[in-house]
Amino acid sequence: MAEIRRETPEDILEIRNVNDRAFGRPDEGAVSEQLREACEGLVSFVAVVEGLVVGHVLFSPVGSR
């Protein structure tokens, strides 16, 4: 069974790998990293099985400032 928890800095490389594999190209992993750097209020969770990140979901604010 997967553990769902907030991402940690140690998860970043695994998150990129999960996103790249899920979408079949490296652009998707880069988008998550750019959002993480640029957005306040970002919420990001990982699914972990046996110590490995196997899923990722990221919520970012949408709207104009």
C-alpha atoms as a PDB file:
ATOM      1  CA  MET A   1       0.000   0.000   0.000  1.00  0.00           C
ATOM      2  CA  ALA A   2       1.260   3.483  -0.846  1.00  0.00           C
ATOM      3  CA  GLU A   3       2.011   6.163   1.708  1.00  0.00           C
ATOM      4  CA  ILE A   4       0.778   9.634   0.639  1.00  0.00           C
ATOM      5  CA  ARG A   5       2.722  12.571   2.064  1.00  0.00           C
ATOM      6  CA  ARG A   6       3.958  16.054   1.238  1.00  0.00           C
ATOM      7  CA  GLU A   7       7.056  16.161  -0.906  1.00  0.00           C
ATOM      8  CA  THR A   8      10.414  16.813   0.712  1.00  0.00           C
ATOM      9  CA  PRO A   9      13.562  18.267  -0.869  1.00  0.00           C
ATOM     10  CA  GLU A  10      14.964  14.726  -1.001  1.00  0.00           C
ATOM     11  CA  ASP A  11      12.069  13.705  -3.308  1.00  0.00           C
ATOM     12  CA  ILE A  12      12.778  16.228  -6.086  1.00  0.00           C
ATOM     13  CA  LEU A  13      14.890  13.981  -8.329  1.00  0.00           C
ATOM     14  CA  GLU A  14      12.476  11.060  -7.974  1.00  0.00           C
ATOM     15  CA  ILE A  15       9.525  13.380  -8.697  1.00  0.00           C
ATOM     16  CA  ARG A  16      11.197  14.524 -11.898  1.00  0.00           C
ATOM     17  CA  ASN A  17      11.807  10.916 -12.917  1.00  0.00           C
ATOM     18  CA  VAL A  18       8.185   9.926 -12.205  1.00  0.00           C
ATOM     19  CA  ASN A  19       6.847  12.866 -14.231  1.00  0.00           C
ATOM     20  CA  ASP A  20       9.240  12.291 -17.128  1.00  0.00           C
ATOM     21  CA  ARG A  21       8.297   8.598 -17.298  1.00  0.00           C
ATOM     22  CA  ALA A  22       4.566   9.271 -16.940  1.00  0.00           C
ATOM     23  CA  PHE A  23       4.484  11.774 -19.806  1.00  0.00           C
ATOM     24  CA  GLY A  24       7.271  10.262 -21.916  1.00  0.00           C
ATOM     25  CA  ARG A  25       9.395  13.393 -22.177  1.00  0.00           C
ATOM     26  CA  PRO A  26      11.644  15.525 -19.955  1.00  0.00           C
ATOM     27  CA  ASP A  27       9.558  18.686 -20.310  1.00  0.00           C
ATOM     28  CA  GLU A  28       7.015  17.569 -17.703  1.00  0.00           C
ATOM     29  CA  GLY A  29       9.578  17.152 -14.943  1.00  0.00           C
ATOM     30  CA  ALA A  30      10.943  20.595 -15.727  1.00  0.00           C
ATOM     31  CA  VAL A  31       7.477  22.167 -15.411  1.00  0.00           C
ATOM     32  CA  SER A  32       7.129  20.886 -11.843  1.00  0.00           C
ATOM     33  CA  GLU A  33      10.518  22.290 -10.947  1.00  0.00           C
ATOM     34  CA  GLN A  34       9.735  25.684 -12.490  1.00  0.00           C
ATOM     35  CA  LEU A  35       6.419  25.887 -10.641  1.00  0.00           C
ATOM     36  CA  ARG A  36       8.102  24.931  -7.375  1.00  0.00           C
ATOM     37  CA  GLU A  37      10.560  27.823  -7.785  1.00  0.00           C
ATOM     38  CA  ALA A  38       8.048  30.421  -8.997  1.00  0.00           C
ATOM     39  CA  CYS A  39       4.818  29.848  -7.075  1.00  0.00           C
ATOM     40  CA  GLU A  40       3.817  30.665  -3.569  1.00  0.00           C
ATOM     41  CA  GLY A  41       1.082  28.487  -2.161  1.00  0.00           C
ATOM     42  CA  LEU A  42       2.154  25.389  -4.057  1.00  0.00           C
ATOM     43  CA  VAL A  43       0.983  22.065  -2.632  1.00  0.00           C
ATOM     44  CA  SER A  44       2.788  18.910  -3.715  1.00  0.00           C
ATOM     45  CA  PHE A  45       2.260  15.307  -2.590  1.00  0.00           C
ATOM     46  CA  VAL A  46       4.033  12.070  -3.407  1.00  0.00           C
ATOM     47  CA  ALA A  47       2.948   8.449  -3.254  1.00  0.00           C
ATOM     48  CA  VAL A  48       5.694   6.248  -1.839  1.00  0.00           C
ATOM     49  CA  VAL A  49       5.916   2.449  -2.000  1.00  0.00           C
ATOM     50  CA  GLU A  50       8.778   0.648  -0.290  1.00  0.00           C
ATOM     51  CA  GLY A  51      10.738   3.900  -0.055  1.00  0.00           C
ATOM     52  CA  LEU A  52      10.367   4.844  -3.730  1.00  0.00           C
ATOM     53  CA  VAL A  53       8.317   7.724  -5.120  1.00  0.00           C
ATOM     54  CA  VAL A  54       5.797   6.137  -7.500  1.00  0.00           C
ATOM     55  CA  GLY A  55       3.344   9.016  -7.953  1.00  0.00           C
ATOM     56  CA  HIS A  56       3.140  12.789  -7.722  1.00  0.00           C
ATOM     57  CA  VAL A  57       0.421  15.400  -7.661  1.00  0.00           C
ATOM     58  CA  LEU A  58       1.033  19.143  -7.635  1.00  0.00           C
ATOM     59  CA  PHE A  59      -1.495  21.918  -7.076  1.00  0.00           C
ATOM     60  CA  SER A  60      -0.578  25.500  -7.934  1.00  0.00           C
ATOM     61  CA  PRO A  61      -2.563  28.710  -7.680  1.00  0.00           C
ATOM     62  CA  VAL A  62      -4.191  29.947 -10.877  1.00  0.00           C
ATOM     63  CA  GLY A  63      -5.221  33.493 -11.612  1.00  0.00           C
ATOM     64  CA  SER A  64      -3.939  36.959 -12.321  1.00  0.00           C
ATOM     65  CA  ARG A  65      -2.192  39.200  -9.878  1.00  0.00           C
END
